[in-house]
N, C-alpha and C. Protein backbone atom coordinates (compact mmCIF):
# COMPACT_ATOMS: atom_id res chain seq x y z
N MET A 1 6.45 10.45 -31.43
CA MET A 1 6.00 10.02 -30.12
C MET A 1 7.15 9.29 -29.43
N THR A 2 7.42 9.66 -28.19
CA THR A 2 8.51 9.06 -27.42
C THR A 2 8.01 7.84 -26.68
N LYS A 3 8.79 6.78 -26.78
CA LYS A 3 8.45 5.55 -26.07
C LYS A 3 8.88 5.65 -24.62
N SER A 4 8.04 5.19 -23.73
CA SER A 4 8.38 5.18 -22.31
C SER A 4 9.28 3.99 -22.03
N PRO A 5 10.45 4.21 -21.39
CA PRO A 5 11.34 3.09 -21.09
C PRO A 5 10.72 2.12 -20.09
N ASN A 6 9.79 2.57 -19.27
CA ASN A 6 9.15 1.71 -18.28
C ASN A 6 8.31 0.62 -18.92
N ARG A 7 7.78 0.86 -20.09
CA ARG A 7 6.90 -0.12 -20.74
C ARG A 7 7.68 -1.36 -21.18
N ALA A 8 8.98 -1.22 -21.38
CA ALA A 8 9.78 -2.34 -21.86
C ALA A 8 10.13 -3.33 -20.73
N LEU A 9 9.91 -2.95 -19.50
CA LEU A 9 10.23 -3.82 -18.38
C LEU A 9 9.25 -4.98 -18.28
N PRO A 10 9.69 -6.13 -17.74
CA PRO A 10 8.77 -7.25 -17.57
C PRO A 10 7.70 -6.92 -16.54
N PRO A 11 6.59 -7.66 -16.54
CA PRO A 11 5.50 -7.37 -15.60
C PRO A 11 5.91 -7.69 -14.16
N ALA A 12 5.22 -7.05 -13.23
CA ALA A 12 5.48 -7.28 -11.80
C ALA A 12 4.82 -8.58 -11.36
N LYS A 13 5.53 -9.32 -10.54
CA LYS A 13 4.98 -10.51 -9.89
C LYS A 13 4.84 -10.17 -8.42
N LEU A 14 3.68 -10.48 -7.86
CA LEU A 14 3.45 -10.17 -6.45
C LEU A 14 3.75 -11.39 -5.60
N ARG A 15 4.33 -11.12 -4.43
CA ARG A 15 4.66 -12.18 -3.48
C ARG A 15 4.73 -11.58 -2.08
N ARG A 16 4.76 -12.44 -1.10
CA ARG A 16 4.93 -11.98 0.28
C ARG A 16 6.34 -11.45 0.46
N GLY A 17 6.46 -10.41 1.28
CA GLY A 17 7.78 -9.89 1.60
C GLY A 17 8.54 -10.88 2.46
N ARG A 18 9.85 -10.85 2.36
CA ARG A 18 10.68 -11.75 3.16
C ARG A 18 11.88 -10.96 3.70
N LEU A 19 12.53 -11.55 4.68
CA LEU A 19 13.65 -10.87 5.33
C LEU A 19 14.77 -10.53 4.34
N ALA A 20 14.94 -11.32 3.31
CA ALA A 20 15.96 -11.04 2.30
C ALA A 20 15.66 -9.74 1.53
N ASP A 21 14.45 -9.22 1.63
CA ASP A 21 14.06 -7.98 0.94
C ASP A 21 14.40 -6.73 1.74
N LEU A 22 14.88 -6.86 2.96
CA LEU A 22 15.04 -5.70 3.84
C LEU A 22 15.81 -4.55 3.22
N ASP A 23 16.97 -4.79 2.65
CA ASP A 23 17.76 -3.70 2.07
C ASP A 23 16.99 -3.00 0.95
N ALA A 24 16.36 -3.76 0.09
CA ALA A 24 15.59 -3.17 -1.01
C ALA A 24 14.39 -2.39 -0.50
N LEU A 25 13.72 -2.89 0.53
CA LEU A 25 12.57 -2.19 1.09
C LEU A 25 12.99 -0.87 1.75
N ILE A 26 14.11 -0.87 2.43
CA ILE A 26 14.63 0.36 3.06
C ILE A 26 14.95 1.38 1.97
N ALA A 27 15.61 0.95 0.90
CA ALA A 27 15.94 1.86 -0.20
C ALA A 27 14.67 2.42 -0.85
N LEU A 28 13.67 1.56 -1.03
CA LEU A 28 12.41 2.00 -1.61
C LEU A 28 11.75 3.06 -0.73
N GLU A 29 11.69 2.81 0.56
CA GLU A 29 11.09 3.77 1.49
C GLU A 29 11.80 5.12 1.45
N ARG A 30 13.10 5.09 1.45
CA ARG A 30 13.88 6.34 1.45
C ARG A 30 13.68 7.11 0.16
N ASP A 31 13.50 6.39 -0.94
CA ASP A 31 13.28 7.03 -2.23
C ASP A 31 11.87 7.60 -2.34
N PHE A 32 10.92 6.91 -1.75
CA PHE A 32 9.52 7.25 -1.96
C PHE A 32 8.97 8.24 -0.93
N PHE A 33 9.39 8.11 0.33
CA PHE A 33 8.81 8.92 1.40
C PHE A 33 9.82 9.87 2.01
N THR A 34 9.30 10.85 2.76
CA THR A 34 10.16 11.78 3.47
C THR A 34 10.66 11.13 4.75
N ALA A 35 11.66 11.72 5.34
CA ALA A 35 12.33 11.14 6.51
C ALA A 35 11.38 10.86 7.67
N ASP A 36 10.35 11.65 7.85
CA ASP A 36 9.44 11.47 8.99
C ASP A 36 8.56 10.24 8.89
N HIS A 37 8.41 9.69 7.71
CA HIS A 37 7.48 8.57 7.55
C HIS A 37 8.12 7.32 6.94
N VAL A 38 9.42 7.19 7.08
CA VAL A 38 10.12 6.03 6.57
C VAL A 38 10.03 4.89 7.59
N ILE A 39 9.72 3.71 7.12
CA ILE A 39 9.71 2.54 7.99
C ILE A 39 11.16 2.09 8.19
N SER A 40 11.52 1.85 9.41
CA SER A 40 12.89 1.44 9.73
C SER A 40 13.12 -0.04 9.39
N ARG A 41 14.38 -0.44 9.40
CA ARG A 41 14.73 -1.85 9.19
C ARG A 41 14.04 -2.71 10.24
N ARG A 42 14.07 -2.26 11.48
CA ARG A 42 13.42 -2.98 12.57
C ARG A 42 11.92 -3.08 12.33
N GLY A 43 11.33 -1.98 11.85
CA GLY A 43 9.90 -1.97 11.54
C GLY A 43 9.55 -2.97 10.45
N PHE A 44 10.32 -2.96 9.36
CA PHE A 44 10.05 -3.92 8.29
C PHE A 44 10.22 -5.35 8.78
N ARG A 45 11.26 -5.59 9.56
CA ARG A 45 11.49 -6.94 10.10
C ARG A 45 10.25 -7.39 10.90
N HIS A 46 9.74 -6.48 11.71
CA HIS A 46 8.54 -6.79 12.50
C HIS A 46 7.35 -7.09 11.58
N PHE A 47 7.11 -6.24 10.60
CA PHE A 47 5.95 -6.42 9.73
C PHE A 47 6.04 -7.71 8.91
N ILE A 48 7.24 -8.06 8.48
CA ILE A 48 7.41 -9.27 7.68
C ILE A 48 7.09 -10.52 8.51
N THR A 49 7.44 -10.50 9.78
CA THR A 49 7.28 -11.69 10.62
C THR A 49 6.01 -11.68 11.47
N SER A 50 5.30 -10.57 11.50
CA SER A 50 4.13 -10.45 12.37
C SER A 50 2.89 -11.12 11.77
N PRO A 51 2.14 -11.86 12.58
CA PRO A 51 0.88 -12.41 12.10
C PRO A 51 -0.21 -11.34 11.97
N LYS A 52 0.07 -10.13 12.44
CA LYS A 52 -0.90 -9.03 12.36
C LYS A 52 -0.66 -8.14 11.14
N SER A 53 0.22 -8.56 10.25
CA SER A 53 0.55 -7.77 9.06
C SER A 53 0.72 -8.66 7.85
N THR A 54 0.49 -8.06 6.69
CA THR A 54 0.82 -8.69 5.42
C THR A 54 1.62 -7.68 4.62
N LEU A 55 2.84 -8.07 4.26
CA LEU A 55 3.68 -7.24 3.41
C LEU A 55 3.74 -7.90 2.04
N ILE A 56 3.24 -7.19 1.04
CA ILE A 56 3.21 -7.70 -0.34
C ILE A 56 4.27 -6.95 -1.13
N VAL A 57 5.09 -7.68 -1.86
CA VAL A 57 6.16 -7.09 -2.65
C VAL A 57 5.84 -7.29 -4.13
N ALA A 58 6.06 -6.23 -4.91
CA ALA A 58 6.00 -6.32 -6.36
C ALA A 58 7.43 -6.54 -6.83
N ASP A 59 7.67 -7.66 -7.46
CA ASP A 59 9.00 -8.06 -7.91
C ASP A 59 9.04 -7.96 -9.44
N VAL A 60 9.97 -7.19 -9.95
CA VAL A 60 10.15 -7.06 -11.40
C VAL A 60 11.56 -7.54 -11.72
N ASP A 61 11.61 -8.68 -12.35
CA ASP A 61 12.89 -9.25 -12.78
C ASP A 61 13.90 -9.34 -11.62
N GLY A 62 13.41 -9.77 -10.46
CA GLY A 62 14.28 -9.96 -9.30
C GLY A 62 14.53 -8.71 -8.46
N LYS A 63 13.93 -7.58 -8.85
CA LYS A 63 14.09 -6.33 -8.10
C LYS A 63 12.79 -5.99 -7.39
N VAL A 64 12.91 -5.47 -6.17
CA VAL A 64 11.72 -5.00 -5.46
C VAL A 64 11.30 -3.68 -6.10
N ALA A 65 10.14 -3.72 -6.78
CA ALA A 65 9.64 -2.55 -7.50
C ALA A 65 8.68 -1.74 -6.64
N GLY A 66 8.07 -2.39 -5.66
CA GLY A 66 7.10 -1.71 -4.81
C GLY A 66 6.64 -2.63 -3.70
N CYS A 67 5.84 -2.07 -2.81
CA CYS A 67 5.29 -2.89 -1.73
C CYS A 67 4.01 -2.26 -1.20
N ALA A 68 3.24 -3.11 -0.56
CA ALA A 68 2.03 -2.67 0.16
C ALA A 68 2.03 -3.39 1.49
N LEU A 69 1.70 -2.66 2.53
CA LEU A 69 1.67 -3.21 3.88
C LEU A 69 0.28 -3.02 4.45
N VAL A 70 -0.32 -4.13 4.88
CA VAL A 70 -1.64 -4.10 5.49
C VAL A 70 -1.50 -4.57 6.93
N ASN A 71 -2.10 -3.84 7.84
CA ASN A 71 -2.10 -4.22 9.25
C ASN A 71 -3.51 -4.60 9.69
N TYR A 72 -3.55 -5.52 10.63
CA TYR A 72 -4.83 -6.04 11.14
C TYR A 72 -4.83 -5.95 12.66
N ARG A 73 -6.00 -5.65 13.21
CA ARG A 73 -6.17 -5.68 14.67
C ARG A 73 -7.06 -6.86 15.01
N GLN A 74 -6.71 -7.50 16.09
CA GLN A 74 -7.48 -8.66 16.53
C GLN A 74 -8.94 -8.27 16.76
N ALA A 75 -9.83 -9.11 16.31
CA ALA A 75 -11.28 -8.95 16.48
C ALA A 75 -11.84 -7.72 15.77
N SER A 76 -11.10 -7.18 14.80
CA SER A 76 -11.60 -6.04 14.03
C SER A 76 -11.93 -6.49 12.62
N GLN A 77 -12.97 -5.93 12.06
CA GLN A 77 -13.34 -6.22 10.68
C GLN A 77 -12.73 -5.20 9.71
N ARG A 78 -11.88 -4.33 10.25
CA ARG A 78 -11.24 -3.31 9.42
C ARG A 78 -9.74 -3.60 9.30
N ALA A 79 -9.28 -3.62 8.06
CA ALA A 79 -7.85 -3.70 7.79
C ALA A 79 -7.37 -2.28 7.50
N ARG A 80 -6.09 -2.03 7.70
CA ARG A 80 -5.54 -0.71 7.43
C ARG A 80 -4.39 -0.84 6.44
N LEU A 81 -4.53 -0.18 5.31
CA LEU A 81 -3.43 -0.09 4.37
C LEU A 81 -2.46 0.93 4.96
N TYR A 82 -1.37 0.42 5.50
CA TYR A 82 -0.41 1.27 6.20
C TYR A 82 0.48 2.03 5.23
N THR A 83 0.89 1.35 4.18
CA THR A 83 1.72 2.02 3.18
C THR A 83 1.60 1.28 1.85
N ILE A 84 1.78 2.04 0.80
CA ILE A 84 1.91 1.48 -0.54
C ILE A 84 2.91 2.38 -1.26
N SER A 85 3.90 1.77 -1.88
CA SER A 85 4.91 2.57 -2.58
C SER A 85 5.43 1.80 -3.79
N VAL A 86 5.82 2.57 -4.79
CA VAL A 86 6.39 2.01 -6.01
C VAL A 86 7.63 2.83 -6.36
N GLY A 87 8.73 2.16 -6.62
CA GLY A 87 9.97 2.84 -6.97
C GLY A 87 9.79 3.71 -8.20
N ARG A 88 10.53 4.79 -8.23
CA ARG A 88 10.38 5.77 -9.33
C ARG A 88 10.54 5.14 -10.72
N GLU A 89 11.49 4.23 -10.87
CA GLU A 89 11.71 3.64 -12.19
C GLU A 89 10.60 2.68 -12.60
N PHE A 90 9.72 2.33 -11.68
CA PHE A 90 8.65 1.38 -11.96
C PHE A 90 7.26 2.03 -11.97
N GLN A 91 7.20 3.33 -11.79
CA GLN A 91 5.91 4.01 -11.73
C GLN A 91 5.26 4.11 -13.11
N ARG A 92 3.96 4.34 -13.08
CA ARG A 92 3.14 4.50 -14.29
C ARG A 92 3.00 3.19 -15.07
N ARG A 93 3.02 2.06 -14.34
CA ARG A 93 2.87 0.76 -14.99
C ARG A 93 1.73 -0.03 -14.37
N GLY A 94 0.95 0.59 -13.49
CA GLY A 94 -0.16 -0.11 -12.86
C GLY A 94 0.22 -0.94 -11.65
N ILE A 95 1.45 -0.82 -11.19
CA ILE A 95 1.90 -1.62 -10.06
C ILE A 95 1.19 -1.22 -8.78
N ALA A 96 0.97 0.07 -8.56
CA ALA A 96 0.27 0.51 -7.35
C ALA A 96 -1.14 -0.07 -7.31
N ARG A 97 -1.83 -0.06 -8.44
CA ARG A 97 -3.18 -0.62 -8.52
C ARG A 97 -3.15 -2.13 -8.27
N GLN A 98 -2.14 -2.80 -8.80
CA GLN A 98 -1.96 -4.23 -8.61
C GLN A 98 -1.71 -4.54 -7.12
N LEU A 99 -0.86 -3.75 -6.48
CA LEU A 99 -0.58 -3.93 -5.05
C LEU A 99 -1.83 -3.66 -4.21
N LEU A 100 -2.58 -2.63 -4.58
CA LEU A 100 -3.80 -2.31 -3.84
C LEU A 100 -4.80 -3.45 -3.92
N ALA A 101 -4.99 -4.01 -5.10
CA ALA A 101 -5.92 -5.14 -5.27
C ALA A 101 -5.46 -6.34 -4.45
N ALA A 102 -4.15 -6.60 -4.42
CA ALA A 102 -3.63 -7.72 -3.63
C ALA A 102 -3.80 -7.46 -2.14
N ALA A 103 -3.63 -6.22 -1.71
CA ALA A 103 -3.84 -5.87 -0.30
C ALA A 103 -5.29 -6.10 0.10
N GLU A 104 -6.21 -5.71 -0.77
CA GLU A 104 -7.63 -5.93 -0.50
C GLU A 104 -7.95 -7.43 -0.44
N GLN A 105 -7.37 -8.20 -1.35
CA GLN A 105 -7.59 -9.64 -1.35
C GLN A 105 -7.07 -10.28 -0.07
N SER A 106 -5.93 -9.83 0.39
CA SER A 106 -5.36 -10.33 1.64
C SER A 106 -6.30 -10.04 2.81
N ALA A 107 -6.84 -8.82 2.84
CA ALA A 107 -7.77 -8.44 3.92
C ALA A 107 -9.04 -9.28 3.86
N ARG A 108 -9.55 -9.51 2.66
CA ARG A 108 -10.73 -10.37 2.52
C ARG A 108 -10.43 -11.78 3.04
N GLY A 109 -9.23 -12.26 2.77
CA GLY A 109 -8.84 -13.58 3.23
C GLY A 109 -8.80 -13.69 4.76
N ARG A 110 -8.68 -12.55 5.41
CA ARG A 110 -8.70 -12.51 6.88
C ARG A 110 -10.08 -12.10 7.39
N ARG A 111 -11.04 -12.15 6.50
CA ARG A 111 -12.44 -11.84 6.82
C ARG A 111 -12.67 -10.40 7.26
N CYS A 112 -11.84 -9.50 6.77
CA CYS A 112 -12.07 -8.08 7.02
C CYS A 112 -13.14 -7.60 6.05
N ARG A 113 -13.99 -6.73 6.53
CA ARG A 113 -15.08 -6.22 5.70
C ARG A 113 -14.80 -4.83 5.14
N PHE A 114 -13.76 -4.17 5.67
CA PHE A 114 -13.43 -2.81 5.25
C PHE A 114 -11.92 -2.64 5.20
N MET A 115 -11.48 -1.77 4.30
CA MET A 115 -10.08 -1.36 4.25
C MET A 115 -10.06 0.15 4.46
N ARG A 116 -9.20 0.59 5.35
CA ARG A 116 -9.03 2.02 5.60
C ARG A 116 -7.61 2.42 5.27
N LEU A 117 -7.44 3.72 4.99
CA LEU A 117 -6.12 4.26 4.69
C LEU A 117 -6.13 5.77 4.87
N GLU A 118 -4.93 6.31 4.97
CA GLU A 118 -4.74 7.76 4.96
C GLU A 118 -3.85 8.09 3.76
N VAL A 119 -4.09 9.25 3.18
CA VAL A 119 -3.29 9.70 2.04
C VAL A 119 -3.05 11.20 2.18
N ARG A 120 -1.89 11.63 1.74
CA ARG A 120 -1.57 13.06 1.81
C ARG A 120 -2.60 13.85 1.00
N ALA A 121 -3.07 14.93 1.57
CA ALA A 121 -4.07 15.77 0.90
C ALA A 121 -3.50 16.43 -0.36
N ASP A 122 -2.18 16.48 -0.47
CA ASP A 122 -1.55 17.12 -1.64
C ASP A 122 -1.02 16.10 -2.65
N ASP A 123 -1.59 14.89 -2.66
CA ASP A 123 -1.16 13.84 -3.59
C ASP A 123 -2.32 13.44 -4.50
N PRO A 124 -2.58 14.23 -5.55
CA PRO A 124 -3.75 13.95 -6.40
C PRO A 124 -3.69 12.60 -7.11
N GLY A 125 -2.49 12.11 -7.43
CA GLY A 125 -2.38 10.82 -8.09
C GLY A 125 -2.84 9.68 -7.20
N ALA A 126 -2.41 9.70 -5.94
CA ALA A 126 -2.82 8.65 -5.00
C ALA A 126 -4.32 8.77 -4.69
N ILE A 127 -4.79 9.98 -4.53
CA ILE A 127 -6.22 10.18 -4.25
C ILE A 127 -7.05 9.63 -5.41
N ALA A 128 -6.64 9.91 -6.64
CA ALA A 128 -7.36 9.40 -7.82
C ALA A 128 -7.33 7.87 -7.86
N LEU A 129 -6.19 7.26 -7.51
CA LEU A 129 -6.10 5.80 -7.46
C LEU A 129 -7.12 5.24 -6.49
N TYR A 130 -7.17 5.78 -5.29
CA TYR A 130 -8.09 5.25 -4.28
C TYR A 130 -9.55 5.49 -4.65
N GLU A 131 -9.86 6.68 -5.13
CA GLU A 131 -11.25 6.96 -5.51
C GLU A 131 -11.69 6.07 -6.68
N SER A 132 -10.82 5.87 -7.66
CA SER A 132 -11.19 5.04 -8.81
C SER A 132 -11.23 3.55 -8.45
N SER A 133 -10.70 3.22 -7.27
CA SER A 133 -10.73 1.83 -6.79
C SER A 133 -11.87 1.59 -5.80
N GLY A 134 -12.76 2.57 -5.66
CA GLY A 134 -13.94 2.38 -4.82
C GLY A 134 -13.84 2.90 -3.40
N TYR A 135 -12.80 3.65 -3.07
CA TYR A 135 -12.65 4.20 -1.73
C TYR A 135 -13.42 5.52 -1.63
N ALA A 136 -14.02 5.73 -0.47
CA ALA A 136 -14.76 6.96 -0.22
C ALA A 136 -14.12 7.69 0.95
N ARG A 137 -14.02 8.98 0.80
CA ARG A 137 -13.43 9.81 1.87
C ARG A 137 -14.41 9.93 3.02
N PHE A 138 -13.90 9.74 4.24
CA PHE A 138 -14.77 9.88 5.40
C PHE A 138 -14.19 10.80 6.46
N GLY A 139 -13.03 11.33 6.27
CA GLY A 139 -12.47 12.20 7.30
C GLY A 139 -11.16 12.82 6.87
N ARG A 140 -10.62 13.60 7.79
CA ARG A 140 -9.38 14.33 7.56
C ARG A 140 -8.63 14.40 8.89
N ARG A 141 -7.33 14.25 8.84
CA ARG A 141 -6.48 14.43 10.02
C ARG A 141 -5.57 15.62 9.75
N SER A 142 -5.74 16.66 10.54
CA SER A 142 -4.96 17.87 10.35
C SER A 142 -3.49 17.64 10.70
N ARG A 143 -2.64 18.18 9.86
CA ARG A 143 -1.19 18.18 10.10
C ARG A 143 -0.64 16.79 10.40
N TYR A 144 -1.12 15.80 9.75
CA TYR A 144 -0.73 14.40 10.00
C TYR A 144 0.67 14.11 9.47
N TYR A 145 1.00 14.66 8.32
CA TYR A 145 2.29 14.43 7.69
C TYR A 145 3.24 15.58 7.97
N ASP A 146 4.53 15.36 7.65
CA ASP A 146 5.49 16.43 7.83
C ASP A 146 5.09 17.64 6.98
N ASN A 147 5.67 18.76 7.24
CA ASN A 147 5.32 20.03 6.60
C ASN A 147 3.85 20.40 6.81
N ARG A 148 3.26 19.84 7.87
CA ARG A 148 1.88 20.16 8.28
C ARG A 148 0.84 19.82 7.21
N ILE A 149 1.10 18.81 6.43
CA ILE A 149 0.16 18.38 5.39
C ILE A 149 -0.91 17.51 6.03
N ASP A 150 -2.16 17.80 5.70
CA ASP A 150 -3.28 17.00 6.21
C ASP A 150 -3.32 15.63 5.55
N ALA A 151 -3.92 14.68 6.25
CA ALA A 151 -4.19 13.36 5.70
C ALA A 151 -5.69 13.26 5.43
N LEU A 152 -6.03 12.74 4.26
CA LEU A 152 -7.42 12.42 3.96
C LEU A 152 -7.62 10.96 4.31
N ARG A 153 -8.73 10.65 4.96
CA ARG A 153 -9.01 9.29 5.38
C ARG A 153 -10.04 8.68 4.42
N PHE A 154 -9.74 7.47 3.96
CA PHE A 154 -10.61 6.77 3.03
C PHE A 154 -10.94 5.39 3.56
N GLU A 155 -12.09 4.89 3.11
CA GLU A 155 -12.51 3.54 3.47
C GLU A 155 -13.22 2.92 2.28
N LYS A 156 -13.09 1.60 2.18
CA LYS A 156 -13.77 0.85 1.14
C LYS A 156 -14.36 -0.41 1.75
N PRO A 157 -15.64 -0.69 1.47
CA PRO A 157 -16.19 -1.99 1.89
C PRO A 157 -15.58 -3.09 1.01
N LEU A 158 -15.17 -4.16 1.66
CA LEU A 158 -14.55 -5.27 0.92
C LEU A 158 -15.53 -6.39 0.62
N SER A 159 -16.63 -6.42 1.36
CA SER A 159 -17.64 -7.45 1.10
C SER A 159 -19.01 -6.85 1.37
N ARG A 160 -19.98 -7.41 0.73
CA ARG A 160 -21.35 -6.95 0.93
C ARG A 160 -21.97 -7.63 2.13
N LEU A 161 -22.89 -6.93 2.74
CA LEU A 161 -23.64 -7.53 3.83
C LEU A 161 -24.55 -8.60 3.25
N ARG A 162 -24.61 -9.71 3.90
CA ARG A 162 -25.51 -10.79 3.45
C ARG A 162 -26.79 -10.72 4.26
N ASN A 163 -27.90 -10.90 3.56
CA ASN A 163 -29.20 -10.89 4.25
C ASN A 163 -29.33 -12.13 5.10
N ALA A 164 -29.79 -11.94 6.31
CA ALA A 164 -30.05 -13.08 7.20
C ALA A 164 -31.35 -13.73 6.80
N THR A 165 -31.35 -15.05 6.65
CA THR A 165 -32.59 -15.72 6.25
C THR A 165 -32.97 -16.75 7.26
């Protein structure tokens, strides 16, 4: 049986993204996504400093291993998971699930009742992550991604309705 080299790495620590992470975040985006959907340096700078966003970084031994970005609209009870990515050398360690849980916790902290996201229809691993985390598919956007790939739309309730008494 072959040992996975990823298992020997220290665990990921989650923290808020900061401006000092910009170069690492740009490299992560370029490694993880295609050119049409890469967040620019200016975009990351905006998301890091914006009160309408939360950028969560997974840090492994001082390296940016992944990130999750959640956006919020004023007076909305829905948060949007804009992106979640994990560097290739850090995949298959549960970091994406850890980032997703932290993104949901952040949205709950802002009193959001739902989290929405889009995922490539041809990404079974990401779809399985979201479905196993309680997300339900509610729609599809045709040709949303490059190469005319559809996006599947998912939503998860973050809190239960409380009975009025």
